[in-house]
């Protein structure tokens, strides 16, 4: 390997490491945890309002799953904002 190839490889590794570190930071961030809690809570409130005392256990059991799934899907935008803040600090 030539010196330039080795230097390029080192730059690529450092770039990948930064991305991995940012991913780890996001997974443990309070921003992520609080957003998941809030979004799941909103889904449960809307569901509870719509069903008004439905005692179907199977239907009620799916609510947290749907809430969690929707909250994780919507976190992409929040994550972008968070990452920009992290990169600038």
N, C-alpha and C. Protein backbone atom coordinates (compact mmCIF):
# COMPACT_ATOMS: atom_id res chain seq x y z
N UNK A 1 0.84 -1.19 0.00
CA UNK A 1 0.00 0.00 0.00
C UNK A 1 0.88 1.25 0.00
N UNK A 2 0.42 2.19 -0.72
CA UNK A 2 1.14 3.45 -0.75
C UNK A 2 0.72 4.32 0.42
N UNK A 3 1.54 5.30 0.68
CA UNK A 3 1.28 6.20 1.80
C UNK A 3 -0.06 6.93 1.64
N UNK A 4 -0.38 7.35 0.43
CA UNK A 4 -1.64 8.07 0.19
C UNK A 4 -2.84 7.17 0.46
N UNK A 5 -2.74 5.91 0.07
CA UNK A 5 -3.83 4.96 0.32
C UNK A 5 -4.04 4.75 1.82
N UNK A 6 -2.95 4.65 2.54
CA UNK A 6 -3.02 4.48 3.99
C UNK A 6 -3.65 5.72 4.63
N UNK A 7 -3.26 6.89 4.17
CA UNK A 7 -3.83 8.13 4.70
C UNK A 7 -5.32 8.21 4.42
N UNK A 8 -5.73 7.83 3.21
CA UNK A 8 -7.15 7.83 2.87
C UNK A 8 -7.93 6.86 3.75
N UNK A 9 -7.35 5.71 3.98
CA UNK A 9 -8.00 4.72 4.81
C UNK A 9 -8.17 5.23 6.25
N UNK A 10 -7.16 5.90 6.76
CA UNK A 10 -7.23 6.47 8.11
C UNK A 10 -8.33 7.52 8.18
N UNK A 11 -8.42 8.36 7.17
CA UNK A 11 -9.46 9.39 7.13
C UNK A 11 -10.85 8.73 7.11
N UNK A 12 -11.00 7.67 6.32
CA UNK A 12 -12.28 6.96 6.26
C UNK A 12 -12.63 6.34 7.61
N UNK A 13 -11.66 5.75 8.27
CA UNK A 13 -11.88 5.13 9.58
C UNK A 13 -12.29 6.19 10.61
N UNK A 14 -11.60 7.33 10.60
CA UNK A 14 -11.94 8.40 11.53
C UNK A 14 -13.36 8.92 11.27
N UNK A 15 -13.72 9.04 10.01
CA UNK A 15 -15.06 9.50 9.66
C UNK A 15 -16.12 8.51 10.14
N UNK A 16 -15.87 7.24 9.93
CA UNK A 16 -16.80 6.20 10.38
C UNK A 16 -16.90 6.19 11.90
N UNK A 17 -15.79 6.35 12.58
CA UNK A 17 -15.79 6.38 14.04
C UNK A 17 -16.62 7.54 14.58
N UNK A 18 -16.54 8.70 13.93
CA UNK A 18 -17.35 9.84 14.36
C UNK A 18 -18.83 9.53 14.23
N UNK A 19 -19.20 8.88 13.12
CA UNK A 19 -20.60 8.53 12.91
C UNK A 19 -21.07 7.52 13.97
N UNK A 20 -20.24 6.53 14.26
CA UNK A 20 -20.58 5.52 15.26
C UNK A 20 -20.73 6.17 16.64
N UNK A 21 -19.84 7.08 16.97
CA UNK A 21 -19.92 7.78 18.26
C UNK A 21 -21.20 8.60 18.35
N UNK A 22 -21.58 9.25 17.26
CA UNK A 22 -22.81 10.03 17.24
C UNK A 22 -24.03 9.12 17.39
N UNK A 23 -23.99 7.95 16.75
CA UNK A 23 -25.08 6.97 16.89
C UNK A 23 -25.23 6.52 18.34
N UNK A 24 -24.12 6.22 18.98
CA UNK A 24 -24.15 5.80 20.39
C UNK A 24 -24.72 6.91 21.28
N UNK A 25 -24.27 8.12 21.01
CA UNK A 25 -24.72 9.26 21.80
C UNK A 25 -26.23 9.45 21.65
N UNK A 26 -26.74 9.31 20.41
CA UNK A 26 -28.18 9.45 20.15
C UNK A 26 -28.97 8.38 20.90
N UNK A 27 -28.53 7.14 20.85
CA UNK A 27 -29.25 6.04 21.48
C UNK A 27 -29.41 6.23 22.99
N UNK A 28 -28.47 6.92 23.61
CA UNK A 28 -28.54 7.11 25.06
C UNK A 28 -28.98 8.52 25.45
N UNK A 29 -29.32 9.34 24.46
CA UNK A 29 -29.65 10.74 24.77
C UNK A 29 -31.02 10.88 25.43
N UNK A 30 -31.12 11.87 26.27
CA UNK A 30 -32.40 12.18 26.91
C UNK A 30 -33.40 12.72 25.90
N UNK A 31 -32.92 13.39 24.88
CA UNK A 31 -33.80 13.90 23.83
C UNK A 31 -34.60 12.75 23.22
N UNK A 32 -33.92 11.69 22.86
CA UNK A 32 -34.57 10.52 22.27
C UNK A 32 -35.56 9.89 23.25
N UNK A 33 -35.14 9.69 24.47
CA UNK A 33 -35.99 9.03 25.47
C UNK A 33 -37.26 9.85 25.74
N UNK A 34 -37.09 11.15 25.90
CA UNK A 34 -38.25 12.01 26.20
C UNK A 34 -39.20 12.07 25.02
N UNK A 35 -38.65 12.14 23.81
CA UNK A 35 -39.52 12.16 22.62
C UNK A 35 -40.32 10.87 22.49
N UNK A 36 -39.70 9.74 22.75
CA UNK A 36 -40.42 8.46 22.70
C UNK A 36 -41.54 8.45 23.73
N UNK A 37 -41.26 8.92 24.94
CA UNK A 37 -42.29 8.95 25.99
C UNK A 37 -43.45 9.85 25.59
N UNK A 38 -43.15 11.04 25.12
CA UNK A 38 -44.19 12.01 24.77
C UNK A 38 -45.04 11.49 23.60
N UNK A 39 -44.39 11.01 22.56
CA UNK A 39 -45.13 10.54 21.40
C UNK A 39 -45.97 9.30 21.71
N UNK A 40 -45.45 8.39 22.52
CA UNK A 40 -46.23 7.22 22.93
C UNK A 40 -47.42 7.65 23.77
N UNK A 41 -47.22 8.60 24.67
CA UNK A 41 -48.31 9.10 25.50
C UNK A 41 -49.41 9.73 24.65
N UNK A 42 -49.03 10.51 23.65
CA UNK A 42 -50.02 11.15 22.78
C UNK A 42 -50.86 10.08 22.05
N UNK A 43 -50.21 9.04 21.54
CA UNK A 43 -50.94 7.98 20.85
C UNK A 43 -51.91 7.29 21.81
N UNK A 44 -51.50 7.01 23.03
CA UNK A 44 -52.37 6.35 24.00
C UNK A 44 -53.55 7.24 24.37
N UNK A 45 -53.31 8.54 24.54
CA UNK A 45 -54.40 9.47 24.87
C UNK A 45 -55.42 9.52 23.73
N UNK A 46 -54.94 9.63 22.50
CA UNK A 46 -55.86 9.67 21.35
C UNK A 46 -56.66 8.36 21.27
N UNK A 47 -55.97 7.25 21.42
CA UNK A 47 -56.64 5.94 21.39
C UNK A 47 -57.68 5.84 22.50
N UNK A 48 -57.31 6.22 23.71
CA UNK A 48 -58.24 6.13 24.84
C UNK A 48 -59.47 7.01 24.61
N UNK A 49 -59.26 8.17 24.03
CA UNK A 49 -60.37 9.06 23.72
C UNK A 49 -61.30 8.43 22.68
N UNK A 50 -60.72 7.79 21.70
CA UNK A 50 -61.52 7.20 20.63
C UNK A 50 -62.31 5.96 21.07
N UNK A 51 -61.73 5.10 21.90
CA UNK A 51 -62.43 3.86 22.26
C UNK A 51 -63.37 4.03 23.45
N UNK A 52 -63.12 4.98 24.31
CA UNK A 52 -63.98 5.27 25.47
C UNK A 52 -64.45 4.00 26.19
N UNK A 53 -63.58 3.46 27.01
CA UNK A 53 -63.88 2.32 27.89
C UNK A 53 -64.17 1.01 27.16
N UNK A 54 -63.46 0.73 26.13
CA UNK A 54 -63.56 -0.56 25.46
C UNK A 54 -62.75 -1.55 26.28
N UNK A 55 -63.33 -2.67 26.67
CA UNK A 55 -62.64 -3.63 27.55
C UNK A 55 -61.98 -4.77 26.78
N UNK A 56 -61.77 -4.61 25.50
CA UNK A 56 -61.12 -5.63 24.70
C UNK A 56 -59.62 -5.63 24.98
N UNK A 57 -59.13 -6.64 25.69
CA UNK A 57 -57.74 -6.70 26.13
C UNK A 57 -56.77 -6.78 24.95
N UNK A 58 -57.18 -7.48 23.89
CA UNK A 58 -56.28 -7.63 22.75
C UNK A 58 -56.11 -6.30 22.00
N UNK A 59 -57.19 -5.56 21.89
CA UNK A 59 -57.14 -4.26 21.25
C UNK A 59 -56.34 -3.27 22.11
N UNK A 60 -56.57 -3.32 23.42
CA UNK A 60 -55.85 -2.42 24.32
C UNK A 60 -54.35 -2.74 24.39
N UNK A 61 -54.00 -3.99 24.23
CA UNK A 61 -52.59 -4.39 24.33
C UNK A 61 -51.76 -3.91 23.15
N UNK A 62 -52.39 -3.64 22.04
CA UNK A 62 -51.63 -3.22 20.87
C UNK A 62 -51.27 -1.73 20.92
N UNK A 63 -51.93 -0.98 21.78
CA UNK A 63 -51.71 0.47 21.84
C UNK A 63 -50.25 0.84 22.12
N UNK A 64 -49.60 0.28 23.15
CA UNK A 64 -48.21 0.66 23.38
C UNK A 64 -47.29 0.30 22.20
N UNK A 65 -47.59 -0.80 21.54
CA UNK A 65 -46.78 -1.21 20.39
C UNK A 65 -46.91 -0.18 19.27
N UNK A 66 -48.12 0.22 18.96
CA UNK A 66 -48.35 1.21 17.91
C UNK A 66 -47.72 2.55 18.31
N UNK A 67 -47.90 2.95 19.56
CA UNK A 67 -47.33 4.21 20.04
C UNK A 67 -45.82 4.22 19.93
N UNK A 68 -45.19 3.13 20.37
CA UNK A 68 -43.73 3.05 20.31
C UNK A 68 -43.25 3.07 18.86
N UNK A 69 -43.92 2.30 18.01
CA UNK A 69 -43.52 2.25 16.60
C UNK A 69 -43.64 3.61 15.93
N UNK A 70 -44.76 4.28 16.13
CA UNK A 70 -44.94 5.61 15.54
C UNK A 70 -43.91 6.60 16.08
N UNK A 71 -43.61 6.50 17.37
CA UNK A 71 -42.65 7.45 17.94
C UNK A 71 -41.26 7.22 17.38
N UNK A 72 -40.86 5.97 17.19
CA UNK A 72 -39.53 5.72 16.65
C UNK A 72 -39.43 6.12 15.18
N UNK A 73 -40.53 5.97 14.44
CA UNK A 73 -40.52 6.37 13.04
C UNK A 73 -40.42 7.88 12.89
N UNK A 74 -41.03 8.60 13.81
CA UNK A 74 -41.04 10.06 13.69
C UNK A 74 -39.78 10.70 14.28
N UNK A 75 -38.92 9.92 14.87
CA UNK A 75 -37.71 10.46 15.49
C UNK A 75 -36.63 10.84 14.48
N UNK A 76 -36.79 10.47 13.23
CA UNK A 76 -35.75 10.80 12.24
C UNK A 76 -35.55 12.31 12.13
N UNK A 77 -36.64 13.06 12.07
CA UNK A 77 -36.53 14.52 11.99
C UNK A 77 -35.91 15.09 13.26
N UNK A 78 -36.37 14.61 14.40
CA UNK A 78 -35.84 15.09 15.69
C UNK A 78 -34.36 14.76 15.80
N UNK A 79 -33.97 13.59 15.30
CA UNK A 79 -32.57 13.20 15.36
C UNK A 79 -31.71 14.13 14.50
N UNK A 80 -32.19 14.51 13.32
CA UNK A 80 -31.42 15.42 12.47
C UNK A 80 -31.17 16.75 13.18
N UNK A 81 -32.20 17.27 13.84
CA UNK A 81 -32.06 18.52 14.59
C UNK A 81 -31.05 18.33 15.71
N UNK A 82 -31.17 17.22 16.43
CA UNK A 82 -30.27 16.91 17.54
C UNK A 82 -28.83 16.78 17.05
N UNK A 83 -28.62 16.06 15.92
CA UNK A 83 -27.27 15.87 15.39
C UNK A 83 -26.63 17.20 14.99
N UNK A 84 -27.42 18.07 14.37
CA UNK A 84 -26.89 19.39 14.01
C UNK A 84 -26.45 20.16 15.24
N UNK A 85 -27.23 20.05 16.30
CA UNK A 85 -26.87 20.72 17.55
C UNK A 85 -25.59 20.13 18.14
N UNK A 86 -25.47 18.80 18.09
CA UNK A 86 -24.29 18.13 18.62
C UNK A 86 -23.04 18.47 17.81
N UNK A 87 -23.18 18.53 16.51
CA UNK A 87 -22.02 18.83 15.66
C UNK A 87 -21.54 20.26 15.86
N UNK A 88 -22.47 21.16 16.16
CA UNK A 88 -22.11 22.57 16.33
C UNK A 88 -21.60 22.89 17.73
N UNK A 89 -21.75 21.96 18.65
CA UNK A 89 -21.28 22.25 20.02
C UNK A 89 -19.92 21.66 20.30
